[in-house]
Amino acid sequence: MKFSQPVIVLAAIFLFTVLVLTAFSGSGFSLGGCVASVRVDDFIDYGSPHGVQETIELLREADADQQVKAILLEVNSGGGSAAATKELFDALAGLEKPCVAYVEDAAASGGYYAASACREIVANPNALLGSIGARMTILNYEELFEKIGLSEESIQTGEMKDVGSPTRNMTPGERELLQQIIDESFQNFKTDLEEARKGKLTPAYYEVLDGRVLSPKMALNAGLIDAIETRDYAEDLAGELGGLGPAPEIRAFEPESTW
């Protein structure tokens, strides 16, 4: 049997299209779009192998990807440095695409600060949340040094230059200075959180600003989260916000291996 040339050409084009779509379907490429997943794990800082800068780069990469329609932020963090957490919050708040945070074990202190920038926050039924506040810890080895016969001599330019020294007791003036710094950091946290969750916070929110850790039900009652659900629910929600519908394709944006 003989086929005309146009039929053969059309058949070839059809076969090529099938092969291309098959190849793309296994490589993270989707004609309908996808939801990007980005993780925030452990302590949020600048110096770890996968520090906050790398997380921010992944978020921006996902936000710029035309195939990505929404972002799922998977959070498992009990806090971080004030500066790194603030930078991550700002990056999340600046995303153009909708972002849903899913809290696994914890989003506490800096972990919650970052998550609060997302449009929606979904928490695992057994997650820990809240711990809204700021904290600074200074150890005091003065008595130990006396027992073992050690002492420290400090040559400095001002009386506050060695504030926080672990070899002596803190003066009232030093404590007041450090408290002012901590209070300012806490105010930054509150301001960002209240702006991000505007219209969602309830009167119960003002009762949990003492740094306490919250259960998901407590956090929901205060308006700090939007739902107590599973990861599947969070994925579906991200898909809906991105116009993909439920059960969207999830594409992980991960840092390069250090090995």
Protein backbone atom coordinates (compact mmCIF):
# COMPACT_ATOMS: atom_id res chain seq x y z
CA MET A 1 0.00 0.00 0.00
CA LYS A 2 1.29 3.46 -0.89
CA PHE A 3 0.73 6.63 1.15
CA SER A 4 0.79 10.09 -0.25
CA GLN A 5 3.58 12.39 0.90
CA PRO A 6 1.32 14.70 2.99
CA VAL A 7 0.04 11.73 5.02
CA ILE A 8 3.59 10.53 5.73
CA VAL A 9 4.64 14.02 6.82
CA LEU A 10 1.64 14.40 9.12
CA ALA A 11 2.30 10.98 10.65
CA ALA A 12 5.92 11.95 11.30
CA ILE A 13 4.87 15.20 12.95
CA PHE A 14 2.37 13.34 15.13
CA LEU A 15 4.99 10.78 16.20
CA PHE A 16 7.51 13.53 16.98
CA THR A 17 4.93 15.37 19.10
CA VAL A 18 4.12 12.24 21.09
CA LEU A 19 7.82 11.60 21.74
CA VAL A 20 8.45 15.18 22.85
CA LEU A 21 5.48 15.22 25.23
CA THR A 22 6.52 11.87 26.67
CA ALA A 23 10.05 13.12 27.25
CA PHE A 24 8.88 16.33 28.88
CA SER A 25 6.42 14.52 31.12
CA GLY A 26 9.29 12.73 32.84
CA SER A 27 11.59 15.72 33.22
CA GLY A 28 9.52 18.07 35.36
CA PHE A 29 8.12 19.94 32.37
CA SER A 30 4.34 20.26 32.22
CA LEU A 31 2.26 21.91 29.55
CA GLY A 32 -0.38 22.71 32.17
CA GLY A 33 2.01 24.14 34.73
CA CYS A 34 3.03 22.95 38.17
CA VAL A 35 3.46 23.91 41.82
CA ALA A 36 7.03 24.46 43.00
CA SER A 37 7.97 23.11 46.42
CA VAL A 38 10.73 24.83 48.41
CA ARG A 39 11.85 23.69 51.86
CA VAL A 40 12.75 25.71 54.95
CA ASP A 41 14.38 23.38 57.46
CA ASP A 42 16.03 23.75 60.86
CA PHE A 43 17.70 27.00 61.98
CA ILE A 44 17.33 29.89 59.54
CA ASP A 45 20.70 31.59 59.18
CA TYR A 46 23.41 32.69 56.78
CA GLY A 47 26.22 30.30 57.63
CA SER A 48 24.80 26.78 57.26
CA PRO A 49 25.61 24.67 54.17
CA HIS A 50 22.23 25.61 52.70
CA GLY A 51 21.71 29.04 54.21
CA VAL A 52 18.92 31.52 53.75
CA GLN A 53 20.52 33.01 50.62
CA GLU A 54 20.16 29.69 48.82
CA THR A 55 16.52 29.36 49.89
CA ILE A 56 15.80 32.85 48.59
CA GLU A 57 17.50 32.04 45.28
CA LEU A 58 15.29 28.95 44.90
CA LEU A 59 12.17 30.99 45.64
CA ARG A 60 13.10 33.59 43.04
CA GLU A 61 13.94 30.89 40.52
CA ALA A 62 10.52 29.31 41.04
CA ASP A 63 8.79 32.69 40.87
CA ALA A 64 10.45 33.43 37.52
CA ASP A 65 9.73 29.99 36.01
CA GLN A 66 6.82 30.26 33.56
CA GLN A 67 5.79 26.67 34.23
CA VAL A 68 5.37 27.37 37.96
CA LYS A 69 1.92 28.71 38.83
CA ALA A 70 2.16 28.62 42.65
CA ILE A 71 4.69 27.84 45.37
CA LEU A 72 4.43 25.42 48.29
CA LEU A 73 6.74 26.38 51.16
CA GLU A 74 7.40 23.32 53.31
CA VAL A 75 8.37 24.54 56.78
CA ASN A 76 10.08 22.60 59.55
CA SER A 77 11.90 25.24 61.57
CA GLY A 78 11.93 26.30 65.20
CA GLY A 79 13.54 29.66 64.53
CA GLY A 80 16.56 31.48 63.23
CA SER A 81 18.65 34.61 63.42
CA ALA A 82 16.66 37.84 63.37
CA ALA A 83 18.41 39.18 60.27
CA ALA A 84 18.19 35.99 58.19
CA THR A 85 14.55 35.45 59.11
CA LYS A 86 13.63 39.01 58.19
CA GLU A 87 15.35 38.61 54.81
CA LEU A 88 13.45 35.39 54.11
CA PHE A 89 10.15 37.01 55.12
CA ASP A 90 10.77 39.92 52.73
CA ALA A 91 11.63 37.53 49.88
CA LEU A 92 8.42 35.56 50.44
CA ALA A 93 6.32 38.70 50.73
CA GLY A 94 7.75 39.91 47.42
CA LEU A 95 6.79 36.84 45.39
CA GLU A 96 4.43 37.47 42.50
CA LYS A 97 2.97 33.96 42.51
CA PRO A 98 0.69 32.70 45.29
CA CYS A 99 2.53 30.87 48.06
CA VAL A 100 1.09 28.36 50.53
CA ALA A 101 3.05 27.37 53.64
CA TYR A 102 2.71 23.82 54.91
CA VAL A 103 3.98 23.35 58.48
CA GLU A 104 5.30 19.87 59.18
CA ASP A 105 6.73 19.51 62.71
CA ALA A 106 7.22 23.17 63.56
CA ALA A 107 6.98 26.77 62.46
CA ALA A 108 7.97 28.54 65.64
CA SER A 109 9.62 31.90 66.28
CA GLY A 110 11.59 32.70 63.11
CA GLY A 111 10.07 29.68 61.37
CA TYR A 112 6.61 31.14 61.86
CA TYR A 113 7.85 34.67 61.06
CA ALA A 114 8.89 33.48 57.60
CA ALA A 115 5.74 31.40 57.02
CA SER A 116 3.49 34.33 57.92
CA ALA A 117 4.47 36.01 54.64
CA CYS A 118 2.65 33.30 52.67
CA ARG A 119 -0.89 33.83 51.42
CA GLU A 120 -2.18 30.75 53.25
CA ILE A 121 -0.72 28.70 56.12
CA VAL A 122 -1.71 25.05 56.56
CA ALA A 123 -0.46 23.15 59.61
CA ASN A 124 -0.11 19.46 60.31
CA PRO A 125 -2.47 18.49 63.16
CA ASN A 126 0.53 17.79 65.43
CA ALA A 127 2.72 20.75 64.47
CA LEU A 128 4.08 23.33 66.92
CA LEU A 129 3.57 26.99 66.08
CA GLY A 130 3.86 30.50 67.46
CA SER A 131 6.65 31.37 69.90
CA ILE A 132 6.25 34.95 68.69
CA GLY A 133 9.05 36.98 70.18
CA ALA A 134 12.79 37.62 70.30
CA ARG A 135 15.43 36.25 72.62
CA MET A 136 19.10 36.78 73.42
CA THR A 137 21.10 34.45 75.68
CA ILE A 138 24.32 35.42 77.44
CA LEU A 139 26.17 32.90 79.58
CA ASN A 140 27.96 33.94 82.77
CA TYR A 141 31.15 32.07 83.69
CA GLU A 142 32.25 34.46 86.46
CA GLU A 143 31.92 32.02 89.36
CA LEU A 144 33.46 29.19 87.36
CA PHE A 145 36.46 31.37 86.45
CA GLU A 146 36.92 32.28 90.11
CA LYS A 147 36.93 28.62 91.12
CA ILE A 148 39.58 27.63 88.58
CA GLY A 149 41.64 30.78 89.02
CA LEU A 150 41.05 32.44 85.67
CA SER A 151 40.35 36.12 85.05
CA GLU A 152 39.91 38.41 82.07
CA GLU A 153 41.38 41.84 81.44
CA SER A 154 39.67 43.91 78.75
CA ILE A 155 41.30 46.91 77.09
CA GLN A 156 38.59 48.85 75.29
CA THR A 157 37.50 52.28 74.09
CA GLY A 158 34.15 52.62 75.86
CA GLU A 159 32.32 51.20 78.85
CA MET A 160 29.81 49.41 76.62
CA LYS A 161 32.38 47.85 74.29
CA ASP A 162 32.38 44.53 76.18
CA VAL A 163 28.64 44.40 76.79
CA GLY A 164 27.58 40.78 77.15
CA SER A 165 30.95 39.57 78.40
CA PRO A 166 30.52 36.07 79.87
CA THR A 167 33.20 36.64 82.52
CA ARG A 168 31.26 39.09 84.71
CA ASN A 169 27.76 40.05 85.76
CA MET A 170 25.83 42.38 83.51
CA THR A 171 25.30 45.95 84.69
CA PRO A 172 21.79 47.48 84.79
CA GLY A 173 22.76 49.83 81.96
CA GLU A 174 23.92 46.94 79.79
CA ARG A 175 20.75 44.98 80.46
CA GLU A 176 18.65 48.00 79.52
CA LEU A 177 20.56 48.44 76.25
CA LEU A 178 20.19 44.79 75.24
CA GLN A 179 16.52 44.80 76.20
CA GLN A 180 15.96 47.76 73.88
CA ILE A 181 17.61 45.84 71.04
CA ILE A 182 15.46 42.77 71.69
CA ASP A 183 12.30 44.87 71.96
CA GLU A 184 13.05 46.48 68.59
CA SER A 185 13.55 43.08 66.98
CA PHE A 186 10.26 41.90 68.49
CA GLN A 187 8.48 44.99 67.17
CA ASN A 188 9.78 44.27 63.65
CA PHE A 189 8.41 40.72 63.95
CA LYS A 190 5.01 41.98 65.10
CA THR A 191 4.76 44.69 62.45
CA ASP A 192 5.53 42.30 59.60
CA LEU A 193 3.27 39.58 60.97
CA GLU A 194 0.31 41.90 61.51
CA GLU A 195 0.66 43.37 58.02
CA ALA A 196 0.92 39.92 56.42
CA ARG A 197 -2.05 38.52 58.37
CA LYS A 198 -4.17 41.67 58.17
CA GLY A 199 -7.85 40.84 58.47
CA LYS A 200 -7.13 37.31 59.74
CA LEU A 201 -5.87 37.85 63.29
CA THR A 202 -8.40 37.54 66.11
CA PRO A 203 -8.45 39.10 69.60
CA ALA A 204 -6.86 35.86 70.87
CA TYR A 205 -3.71 36.83 68.96
CA TYR A 206 -2.90 39.56 71.48
CA GLU A 207 -3.00 37.00 74.28
CA VAL A 208 -0.24 34.85 72.77
CA LEU A 209 2.42 37.52 72.28
CA ASP A 210 4.30 36.30 75.36
CA GLY A 211 6.44 33.86 73.39
CA ARG A 212 4.39 30.75 74.11
CA VAL A 213 4.40 27.76 71.78
CA LEU A 214 0.98 26.97 70.33
CA SER A 215 -0.87 23.90 69.17
CA PRO A 216 -2.51 24.11 65.74
CA LYS A 217 -5.94 24.65 67.33
CA MET A 218 -4.59 27.51 69.44
CA ALA A 219 -2.90 29.05 66.41
CA LEU A 220 -6.07 28.72 64.34
CA ASN A 221 -8.09 30.37 67.11
CA ALA A 222 -5.67 33.32 67.09
CA GLY A 223 -5.82 33.63 63.31
CA LEU A 224 -2.16 32.69 62.91
CA ILE A 225 -2.92 29.86 60.47
CA ASP A 226 -5.70 29.16 57.98
CA ALA A 227 -6.23 25.41 58.23
CA ILE A 228 -5.24 22.28 60.13
CA GLU A 229 -4.86 19.75 57.38
CA THR A 230 -2.59 17.35 55.52
CA ARG A 231 0.12 18.01 52.97
CA ASP A 232 -2.26 16.84 50.23
CA TYR A 233 -4.67 19.59 51.25
CA ALA A 234 -1.87 22.17 51.06
CA GLU A 235 -0.86 20.92 47.61
CA ASP A 236 -4.47 21.11 46.40
CA LEU A 237 -4.81 24.62 47.83
CA ALA A 238 -1.65 25.77 46.05
CA GLY A 239 -2.99 24.23 42.85
CA GLU A 240 -6.30 26.05 43.21
CA LEU A 241 -4.58 29.39 43.88
CA GLY A 242 -2.37 28.84 40.85
CA GLY A 243 -5.32 28.02 38.60
CA LEU A 244 -4.29 24.38 38.20
CA GLY A 245 -7.03 22.75 40.23
CA PRO A 246 -6.56 19.95 42.79
CA ALA A 247 -3.79 17.34 42.66
CA PRO A 248 -1.34 19.54 40.74
CA GLU A 249 2.05 18.37 39.59
CA ILE A 250 4.63 19.16 42.30
CA ARG A 251 8.13 20.09 41.21
CA ALA A 252 10.83 20.28 43.89
CA PHE A 253 13.26 23.19 43.78
CA GLU A 254 16.22 21.94 45.80
CA PRO A 255 19.72 23.24 46.58
CA GLU A 256 22.62 21.63 44.81
CA SER A 257 24.32 18.85 46.75
CA THR A 258 27.46 19.84 48.64
CA TRP A 259 28.97 16.41 48.00
